Each structure stands twice: as C-alpha cells, then as structure tokens.
Amino acid sequence: ALDYTPGTAEVLPAVAQAVKGRLTILADGGVRSGADVLKLLALGADAVLVGRPVVWGVFGAGVEGVKILYTKLADELKVAMILTGCARPQDAGRTQISHR
C-alpha cells in the first residue's frame, strides 16, 4: 500500500539529479505551508503543486477560502525566504534546509 512509500521530499533530490534540465519537475504531496513550498524548491522542484489545502479552502469558505489559503501560503513563503536568506524562491538550495 502507499502507506509504506517514501515521501516526496525523500525522493525529490534523486529525481531532480536524474532529470534536471531535461524535464520540468512539479512536486506535490505533503504541502501544508509556505515553508513546505520552499523546501521542495530547495530539493530540486521547478514548481510546487498544492492540492488538499485548496480543497479545505473550498469546503471551508468557497472561492474566498482559496484566496485566504494562497495569501497564507505566500506570506509563509516570504517568511521562510527571509529566514533562509533567499531573495527569490529559486535561490533556495540544499544549504537552506536540514533534511535527514
């Protein structure tokens, strides 16, 4: 079952190393905050997809809920960038994160 498969952040560095420059890497899975977005970018994603939180926003407050969610994610991403010294999301790299 999928319960025993590695998470996105665990496999992303190897995927990025294997295909970077030849394919666009879209990461999804386990994204709950702007910090999660920055982590996946740092691990090699070209872009990060957000699924489940959008559904929560829709069910919680419709279109306004999705707007609130994206504002929250953007604000959290900005804070994560400040804390890691990244001027742009693309500046994030392995040195900005601790991954075991």
Protein backbone atom coordinates (compact mmCIF):
# COMPACT_ATOMS: atom_id res chain seq x y z
CA ALA A 1 0.00 0.00 0.00
CA LEU A 2 1.03 3.61 -0.37
CA ASP A 3 1.40 3.93 3.40
CA TYR A 4 4.89 2.49 3.12
CA THR A 5 6.23 4.50 0.20
CA PRO A 6 8.79 7.29 0.66
CA GLY A 7 7.53 10.86 0.78
CA THR A 8 8.03 13.49 -1.90
CA ALA A 9 10.87 15.22 -0.04
CA GLU A 10 12.70 11.92 0.36
CA VAL A 11 12.80 11.06 -3.35
CA LEU A 12 12.85 14.52 -4.91
CA PRO A 13 16.64 15.09 -4.75
CA ALA A 14 17.34 11.86 -6.66
CA VAL A 15 14.64 12.63 -9.23
CA ALA A 16 15.98 16.16 -9.69
CA GLN A 17 19.52 14.90 -10.15
CA ALA A 18 18.37 12.37 -12.75
CA VAL A 19 16.23 14.68 -14.92
CA LYS A 20 17.09 18.31 -14.09
CA GLY A 21 17.34 20.40 -17.23
CA ARG A 22 15.59 17.83 -19.38
CA LEU A 23 12.16 17.85 -17.70
CA THR A 24 10.19 20.32 -15.63
CA ILE A 25 9.88 18.93 -12.11
CA LEU A 26 6.48 19.54 -10.48
CA ALA A 27 6.39 18.46 -6.84
CA ASP A 28 3.23 17.61 -4.94
CA GLY A 29 2.45 15.83 -1.72
CA GLY A 30 2.54 16.92 1.88
CA VAL A 31 2.48 20.64 1.12
CA ARG A 32 0.77 22.38 4.03
CA SER A 33 2.71 25.64 4.36
CA GLY A 34 4.85 28.15 2.53
CA ALA A 35 7.87 26.62 4.25
CA ASP A 36 6.97 23.28 2.64
CA VAL A 37 6.92 25.03 -0.74
CA LEU A 38 10.41 26.43 -0.18
CA LYS A 39 11.71 23.04 0.99
CA LEU A 40 10.53 21.30 -2.18
CA LEU A 41 12.03 24.05 -4.35
CA ALA A 42 15.30 23.68 -2.43
CA LEU A 43 15.25 19.92 -3.03
CA GLY A 44 15.00 20.37 -6.80
CA ALA A 45 11.42 21.10 -7.81
CA ASP A 46 10.83 23.70 -10.51
CA ALA A 47 7.31 24.33 -9.19
CA VAL A 48 5.18 23.08 -6.32
CA LEU A 49 1.56 21.99 -6.60
CA VAL A 50 -0.92 22.38 -3.75
CA GLY A 51 -3.92 20.05 -3.72
CA ARG A 52 -5.52 19.12 -0.43
CA PRO A 53 -5.28 22.57 1.21
CA VAL A 54 -7.17 24.03 -1.77
CA VAL A 55 -9.97 21.53 -1.17
CA TRP A 56 -10.03 22.56 2.51
CA GLY A 57 -10.31 26.20 1.43
CA VAL A 58 -13.16 25.47 -0.99
CA PHE A 59 -15.13 23.47 1.54
CA GLY A 60 -14.43 25.97 4.30
CA ALA A 61 -15.31 29.17 2.50
CA GLY A 62 -15.59 28.65 -1.25
CA VAL A 63 -13.57 30.89 -3.54
CA GLU A 64 -12.78 33.23 -0.63
CA GLY A 65 -11.33 30.26 1.26
CA VAL A 66 -8.95 29.52 -1.61
CA LYS A 67 -7.90 33.19 -1.74
CA ILE A 68 -7.21 33.10 2.01
CA LEU A 69 -5.20 29.89 1.60
CA TYR A 70 -2.99 31.29 -1.17
CA THR A 71 -2.43 34.52 0.75
CA LYS A 72 -1.39 32.46 3.79
CA LEU A 73 0.95 30.27 1.71
CA ALA A 74 2.52 33.34 0.06
CA ASP A 75 3.05 35.03 3.43
CA GLU A 76 4.60 31.87 4.89
CA LEU A 77 6.84 31.50 1.84
CA LYS A 78 8.06 35.08 2.28
CA VAL A 79 8.88 34.44 5.95
CA ALA A 80 10.71 31.20 5.06
CA MET A 81 12.70 33.07 2.40
CA ILE A 82 13.67 35.80 4.88
CA LEU A 83 14.73 33.23 7.47
CA THR A 84 16.89 31.38 4.95
CA GLY A 85 18.35 34.43 3.23
CA CYS A 86 16.69 33.78 -0.13
CA ALA A 87 15.83 36.85 -2.21
CA ARG A 88 13.81 34.70 -4.63
CA PRO A 89 12.24 31.24 -4.27
CA GLN A 90 14.69 29.98 -6.93
CA ASP A 91 17.57 30.88 -4.60
CA ALA A 92 16.66 28.06 -2.21
CA GLY A 93 19.08 25.16 -2.20
CA ARG A 94 20.15 22.25 -0.04
CA THR A 95 22.15 24.56 2.24
CA GLN A 96 18.94 26.29 3.37
CA ILE A 97 17.28 23.15 4.65
CA SER A 98 18.01 20.35 7.05
CA HIS A 99 16.99 17.03 5.52
CA ARG A 100 17.72 13.68 7.09
